[in-house]
Amino acid sequence: MLDEVSALCSHLESLGGGGAPVDVRGEFNLAVLNSLWRILAGDRLGYQDARLRRMVELLDRTLVSVGGIVCPTYGTS
């Protein structure tokens, strides 16, 4: 878990080079999914890995769809 936190911090620093603002919503999701993947599969994927990004995208779409049923304001920000 600490390895993933360290990887996330490095990743965010690389995105915000020069102090530019960074949209971290999707980036935190990458770290969470990567942590779960490491527990289940014993491996981690890089933050630029297309498979990891696709999984996060699909998961986000699913949660927005289901969240809209359970809580109509979920995903509207």
N, C-alpha and C. Protein backbone atom coordinates (compact mmCIF):
# COMPACT_ATOMS: atom_id res chain seq x y z
N MET A 1 0.82 -1.18 0.00
CA MET A 1 0.00 0.00 0.00
C MET A 1 0.87 1.25 0.00
N LEU A 2 1.92 1.26 0.81
CA LEU A 2 2.81 2.43 0.85
C LEU A 2 3.52 2.64 -0.47
N ASP A 3 3.83 1.53 -1.16
CA ASP A 3 4.45 1.65 -2.48
C ASP A 3 3.53 2.38 -3.45
N GLU A 4 2.24 2.09 -3.36
CA GLU A 4 1.27 2.73 -4.26
C GLU A 4 1.13 4.21 -3.93
N VAL A 5 1.16 4.56 -2.66
CA VAL A 5 1.09 5.97 -2.26
C VAL A 5 2.31 6.71 -2.79
N SER A 6 3.45 6.10 -2.68
CA SER A 6 4.67 6.72 -3.19
C SER A 6 4.61 6.89 -4.71
N ALA A 7 4.11 5.86 -5.40
CA ALA A 7 3.97 5.94 -6.86
C ALA A 7 2.97 7.03 -7.25
N LEU A 8 1.88 7.15 -6.50
CA LEU A 8 0.89 8.18 -6.78
C LEU A 8 1.49 9.58 -6.59
N CYS A 9 2.23 9.77 -5.51
CA CYS A 9 2.85 11.08 -5.27
C CYS A 9 3.81 11.45 -6.40
N SER A 10 4.62 10.50 -6.83
CA SER A 10 5.54 10.75 -7.94
C SER A 10 4.78 11.07 -9.22
N HIS A 11 3.72 10.32 -9.46
CA HIS A 11 2.90 10.54 -10.66
C HIS A 11 2.28 11.94 -10.64
N LEU A 12 1.71 12.34 -9.50
CA LEU A 12 1.10 13.66 -9.40
C LEU A 12 2.13 14.77 -9.56
N GLU A 13 3.32 14.57 -9.02
CA GLU A 13 4.39 15.55 -9.19
C GLU A 13 4.77 15.70 -10.66
N SER A 14 4.77 14.59 -11.38
CA SER A 14 5.12 14.65 -12.81
C SER A 14 4.03 15.36 -13.61
N LEU A 15 2.78 15.22 -13.19
CA LEU A 15 1.68 15.89 -13.89
C LEU A 15 1.65 17.38 -13.61
N GLY A 16 2.01 17.76 -12.41
CA GLY A 16 1.92 19.15 -12.00
C GLY A 16 3.25 19.88 -12.10
N GLY A 17 4.07 19.47 -13.04
CA GLY A 17 5.37 20.11 -13.21
C GLY A 17 5.27 21.62 -13.28
N GLY A 18 6.07 22.29 -12.51
CA GLY A 18 6.05 23.74 -12.51
C GLY A 18 4.93 24.33 -11.68
N GLY A 19 4.27 23.52 -10.86
CA GLY A 19 3.21 24.03 -10.00
C GLY A 19 1.87 24.20 -10.68
N ALA A 20 1.70 23.62 -11.88
CA ALA A 20 0.42 23.73 -12.59
C ALA A 20 -0.66 22.94 -11.86
N PRO A 21 -1.91 23.41 -11.89
CA PRO A 21 -3.00 22.66 -11.26
C PRO A 21 -3.21 21.31 -11.95
N VAL A 22 -3.63 20.33 -11.17
CA VAL A 22 -3.84 18.97 -11.68
C VAL A 22 -5.23 18.51 -11.27
N ASP A 23 -5.98 17.95 -12.21
CA ASP A 23 -7.28 17.35 -11.90
C ASP A 23 -7.00 15.95 -11.36
N VAL A 24 -7.16 15.77 -10.06
CA VAL A 24 -6.75 14.52 -9.42
C VAL A 24 -7.86 13.48 -9.33
N ARG A 25 -9.09 13.82 -9.76
CA ARG A 25 -10.19 12.86 -9.60
C ARG A 25 -9.86 11.50 -10.21
N GLY A 26 -9.50 11.47 -11.44
CA GLY A 26 -9.19 10.20 -12.10
C GLY A 26 -7.90 9.58 -11.61
N GLU A 27 -6.97 10.43 -11.18
CA GLU A 27 -5.66 9.93 -10.74
C GLU A 27 -5.79 9.15 -9.44
N PHE A 28 -6.63 9.61 -8.52
CA PHE A 28 -6.85 8.86 -7.28
C PHE A 28 -7.54 7.53 -7.57
N ASN A 29 -8.44 7.53 -8.53
CA ASN A 29 -9.11 6.28 -8.92
C ASN A 29 -8.11 5.27 -9.46
N LEU A 30 -7.11 5.74 -10.20
CA LEU A 30 -6.07 4.84 -10.70
C LEU A 30 -5.34 4.17 -9.54
N ALA A 31 -5.02 4.95 -8.51
CA ALA A 31 -4.29 4.41 -7.37
C ALA A 31 -5.13 3.39 -6.60
N VAL A 32 -6.40 3.69 -6.41
CA VAL A 32 -7.28 2.77 -5.68
C VAL A 32 -7.42 1.45 -6.45
N LEU A 33 -7.71 1.56 -7.74
CA LEU A 33 -7.87 0.34 -8.55
C LEU A 33 -6.56 -0.44 -8.62
N ASN A 34 -5.45 0.26 -8.71
CA ASN A 34 -4.15 -0.41 -8.75
C ASN A 34 -3.86 -1.14 -7.44
N SER A 35 -4.25 -0.55 -6.33
CA SER A 35 -4.06 -1.22 -5.04
C SER A 35 -4.88 -2.50 -4.97
N LEU A 36 -6.13 -2.42 -5.41
CA LEU A 36 -6.98 -3.62 -5.42
C LEU A 36 -6.43 -4.68 -6.38
N TRP A 37 -5.95 -4.22 -7.53
CA TRP A 37 -5.39 -5.15 -8.52
C TRP A 37 -4.16 -5.86 -7.95
N ARG A 38 -3.35 -5.13 -7.21
CA ARG A 38 -2.16 -5.73 -6.62
C ARG A 38 -2.53 -6.79 -5.59
N ILE A 39 -3.58 -6.53 -4.81
CA ILE A 39 -4.04 -7.51 -3.82
C ILE A 39 -4.55 -8.76 -4.52
N LEU A 40 -5.34 -8.58 -5.58
CA LEU A 40 -5.96 -9.71 -6.28
C LEU A 40 -5.01 -10.46 -7.21
N ALA A 41 -4.19 -9.72 -7.96
CA ALA A 41 -3.36 -10.34 -8.99
C ALA A 41 -1.88 -10.40 -8.62
N GLY A 42 -1.49 -9.69 -7.57
CA GLY A 42 -0.09 -9.71 -7.16
C GLY A 42 0.81 -8.86 -8.05
N ASP A 43 0.24 -7.98 -8.83
CA ASP A 43 1.01 -7.14 -9.75
C ASP A 43 0.36 -5.77 -9.79
N ARG A 44 1.08 -4.78 -10.28
CA ARG A 44 0.51 -3.46 -10.45
C ARG A 44 0.75 -3.01 -11.88
N LEU A 45 -0.08 -2.08 -12.31
CA LEU A 45 0.02 -1.53 -13.65
C LEU A 45 0.50 -0.09 -13.54
N GLY A 46 1.23 0.37 -14.55
CA GLY A 46 1.68 1.76 -14.55
C GLY A 46 0.49 2.70 -14.77
N TYR A 47 0.61 3.91 -14.30
CA TYR A 47 -0.50 4.87 -14.42
C TYR A 47 -0.81 5.23 -15.87
N GLN A 48 0.11 5.01 -16.77
CA GLN A 48 -0.15 5.29 -18.18
C GLN A 48 -0.64 4.06 -18.94
N ASP A 49 -0.76 2.92 -18.26
CA ASP A 49 -1.21 1.69 -18.89
C ASP A 49 -2.64 1.85 -19.40
N ALA A 50 -2.84 1.58 -20.69
CA ALA A 50 -4.16 1.76 -21.31
C ALA A 50 -5.22 0.87 -20.67
N ARG A 51 -4.84 -0.33 -20.26
CA ARG A 51 -5.82 -1.23 -19.63
C ARG A 51 -6.31 -0.68 -18.29
N LEU A 52 -5.38 -0.16 -17.50
CA LEU A 52 -5.77 0.42 -16.21
C LEU A 52 -6.67 1.63 -16.41
N ARG A 53 -6.32 2.48 -17.33
CA ARG A 53 -7.13 3.68 -17.60
C ARG A 53 -8.52 3.29 -18.11
N ARG A 54 -8.59 2.25 -18.94
CA ARG A 54 -9.89 1.79 -19.45
C ARG A 54 -10.74 1.22 -18.32
N MET A 55 -10.12 0.44 -17.43
CA MET A 55 -10.86 -0.11 -16.29
C MET A 55 -11.44 1.00 -15.42
N VAL A 56 -10.64 2.04 -15.16
CA VAL A 56 -11.11 3.16 -14.35
C VAL A 56 -12.26 3.88 -15.06
N GLU A 57 -12.12 4.06 -16.37
CA GLU A 57 -13.18 4.72 -17.14
C GLU A 57 -14.49 3.93 -17.07
N LEU A 58 -14.41 2.61 -17.25
CA LEU A 58 -15.61 1.77 -17.20
C LEU A 58 -16.22 1.75 -15.80
N LEU A 59 -15.37 1.67 -14.80
CA LEU A 59 -15.85 1.67 -13.42
C LEU A 59 -16.54 2.99 -13.10
N ASP A 60 -15.95 4.10 -13.55
CA ASP A 60 -16.55 5.41 -13.30
C ASP A 60 -17.91 5.52 -13.98
N ARG A 61 -18.01 5.07 -15.23
CA ARG A 61 -19.30 5.10 -15.94
C ARG A 61 -20.35 4.27 -15.21
N THR A 62 -19.93 3.10 -14.74
CA THR A 62 -20.86 2.22 -14.03
C THR A 62 -21.34 2.87 -12.74
N LEU A 63 -20.42 3.45 -11.97
CA LEU A 63 -20.80 4.08 -10.72
C LEU A 63 -21.68 5.30 -10.93
N VAL A 64 -21.44 6.05 -12.00
CA VAL A 64 -22.30 7.19 -12.30
C VAL A 64 -23.70 6.71 -12.65
N SER A 65 -23.79 5.64 -13.44
CA SER A 65 -25.10 5.09 -13.83
C SER A 65 -25.86 4.58 -12.61
N VAL A 66 -25.19 3.77 -11.81
CA VAL A 66 -25.84 3.20 -10.62
C VAL A 66 -26.08 4.29 -9.59
N GLY A 67 -25.11 5.18 -9.43
CA GLY A 67 -25.26 6.27 -8.47
C GLY A 67 -26.43 7.17 -8.80
N GLY A 68 -26.71 7.36 -10.09
CA GLY A 68 -27.84 8.17 -10.50
C GLY A 68 -29.16 7.57 -10.08
N ILE A 69 -29.19 6.24 -9.98
CA ILE A 69 -30.41 5.56 -9.53
C ILE A 69 -30.55 5.70 -8.02
N VAL A 70 -29.46 5.45 -7.31
CA VAL A 70 -29.46 5.46 -5.85
C VAL A 70 -29.49 6.90 -5.31
N CYS A 71 -28.68 7.76 -5.92
CA CYS A 71 -28.57 9.15 -5.46
C CYS A 71 -28.57 10.03 -6.71
N PRO A 72 -29.68 10.66 -7.06
CA PRO A 72 -29.81 11.39 -8.33
C PRO A 72 -28.74 12.46 -8.58
N THR A 73 -28.08 12.96 -7.55
CA THR A 73 -27.07 14.00 -7.76
C THR A 73 -25.67 13.45 -7.92
N TYR A 74 -25.47 12.11 -7.80
CA TYR A 74 -24.14 11.53 -7.92
C TYR A 74 -23.61 11.70 -9.34
N GLY A 75 -22.38 12.17 -9.45
CA GLY A 75 -21.74 12.31 -10.75
C GLY A 75 -22.16 13.53 -11.54
N THR A 76 -22.86 14.47 -10.92
CA THR A 76 -23.31 15.64 -11.65
C THR A 76 -22.39 16.84 -11.50
N SER A 77 -21.30 16.70 -10.74
CA SER A 77 -20.40 17.84 -10.56
C SER A 77 -19.53 18.09 -11.76
